[in-house]
Amino acid sequence: MDFEWMAWTAPTASFFIVIALLLAVYTVWGMRSPSLPRKGLLPMTTTRGDRLFVGLLGSAFIHLAWVGVTDASVWFAVGLSLLFMVFIARWG
């Protein structure tokens, strides 16, 4: 398949591959061990999948804000997003 018309780069393809793998892993994990809703720091009861979605959405906003506010390397935003995802998964 020719994806040249989409201007795919290695980082872009890696990003979407990681998202697809996360969704596949969470799907299998959810079928093997269903998640029970729990109340954490978020103002709502959430399951593992809910926290994954909130973490991904928050990470997208972190990256957009980083690109809009600073000219520093985007890898700092990646690190901040990973910390955010771990925080939401554990205590969210």
Protein backbone atom coordinates (compact mmCIF):
# COMPACT_ATOMS: atom_id res chain seq x y z
CA MET A 1 0.00 0.00 0.00
CA ASP A 2 1.23 3.47 -0.84
CA PHE A 3 0.71 5.88 2.06
CA GLU A 4 2.88 8.61 0.55
CA TRP A 5 -0.17 10.78 -0.14
CA MET A 6 -0.76 10.95 3.64
CA ALA A 7 2.80 12.20 4.34
CA TRP A 8 3.33 9.50 6.96
CA THR A 9 6.57 9.69 8.84
CA ALA A 10 8.10 7.06 11.09
CA PRO A 11 7.04 8.88 14.30
CA THR A 12 3.47 9.25 13.02
CA ALA A 13 3.23 5.60 12.07
CA SER A 14 4.78 4.59 15.41
CA PHE A 15 2.25 6.71 17.28
CA PHE A 16 -0.73 5.04 15.62
CA ILE A 17 0.78 1.58 15.96
CA VAL A 18 1.24 2.14 19.71
CA ILE A 19 -2.37 3.32 20.04
CA ALA A 20 -3.62 0.26 18.13
CA LEU A 21 -1.50 -2.07 20.29
CA LEU A 22 -2.77 -0.41 23.48
CA LEU A 23 -6.36 -0.91 22.38
CA ALA A 24 -5.70 -4.55 21.44
CA VAL A 25 -3.98 -5.28 24.76
CA TYR A 26 -6.74 -3.61 26.77
CA THR A 27 -9.38 -5.54 24.80
CA VAL A 28 -7.74 -8.90 25.50
CA TRP A 29 -7.10 -7.92 29.13
CA GLY A 30 -10.75 -6.88 29.50
CA MET A 31 -12.00 -10.19 28.11
CA ARG A 32 -9.70 -12.24 30.35
CA SER A 33 -10.19 -10.16 33.49
CA PRO A 34 -13.22 -7.83 33.38
CA SER A 35 -12.60 -4.49 35.05
CA LEU A 36 -14.67 -3.42 38.02
CA PRO A 37 -15.60 0.25 38.18
CA ARG A 38 -13.77 2.16 40.91
CA LYS A 39 -13.65 5.68 42.27
CA GLY A 40 -10.24 7.33 42.19
CA LEU A 41 -9.12 10.95 41.90
CA LEU A 42 -11.28 11.55 38.84
CA PRO A 43 -14.74 12.93 39.66
CA MET A 44 -16.44 9.84 38.25
CA THR A 45 -16.39 6.07 38.58
CA THR A 46 -14.12 4.59 35.91
CA THR A 47 -12.96 1.27 34.50
CA ARG A 48 -9.53 0.52 33.01
CA GLY A 49 -10.76 1.41 29.53
CA ASP A 50 -12.20 4.72 30.74
CA ARG A 51 -8.88 5.63 32.35
CA LEU A 52 -7.03 4.68 29.14
CA PHE A 53 -9.33 6.96 27.14
CA VAL A 54 -8.93 9.85 29.61
CA GLY A 55 -5.16 9.33 29.60
CA LEU A 56 -4.95 9.35 25.80
CA LEU A 57 -7.18 12.40 25.55
CA GLY A 58 -5.15 14.24 28.18
CA SER A 59 -1.92 13.29 26.44
CA ALA A 60 -3.24 14.74 23.19
CA PHE A 61 -3.99 18.04 24.95
CA ILE A 62 -0.55 18.02 26.60
CA HIS A 63 1.06 17.66 23.16
CA LEU A 64 -1.11 20.36 21.59
CA ALA A 65 -0.34 22.77 24.42
CA TRP A 66 3.37 21.93 24.26
CA VAL A 67 3.57 22.59 20.54
CA GLY A 68 1.51 25.78 20.89
CA VAL A 69 3.41 27.26 23.84
CA THR A 70 7.05 26.25 23.46
CA ASP A 71 9.66 25.54 20.83
CA ALA A 72 11.39 22.92 23.00
CA SER A 73 11.71 19.32 21.88
CA VAL A 74 8.46 17.40 21.68
CA TRP A 75 10.17 14.52 23.53
CA PHE A 76 9.60 16.46 26.77
CA ALA A 77 5.88 16.36 26.00
CA VAL A 78 6.15 12.60 25.38
CA GLY A 79 7.73 12.13 28.81
CA LEU A 80 5.13 14.35 30.47
CA SER A 81 2.36 12.44 28.69
CA LEU A 82 3.73 9.09 29.84
CA LEU A 83 3.82 10.35 33.43
CA PHE A 84 0.25 11.59 33.03
CA MET A 85 -0.88 8.22 31.65
CA VAL A 86 0.74 6.34 34.54
CA PHE A 87 -0.83 8.73 37.05
CA ILE A 88 -4.32 8.36 35.55
CA ALA A 89 -4.00 4.57 35.23
CA ARG A 90 -2.88 4.18 38.84
CA TRP A 91 -4.75 6.86 40.80
CA GLY A 92 -7.41 8.10 38.36
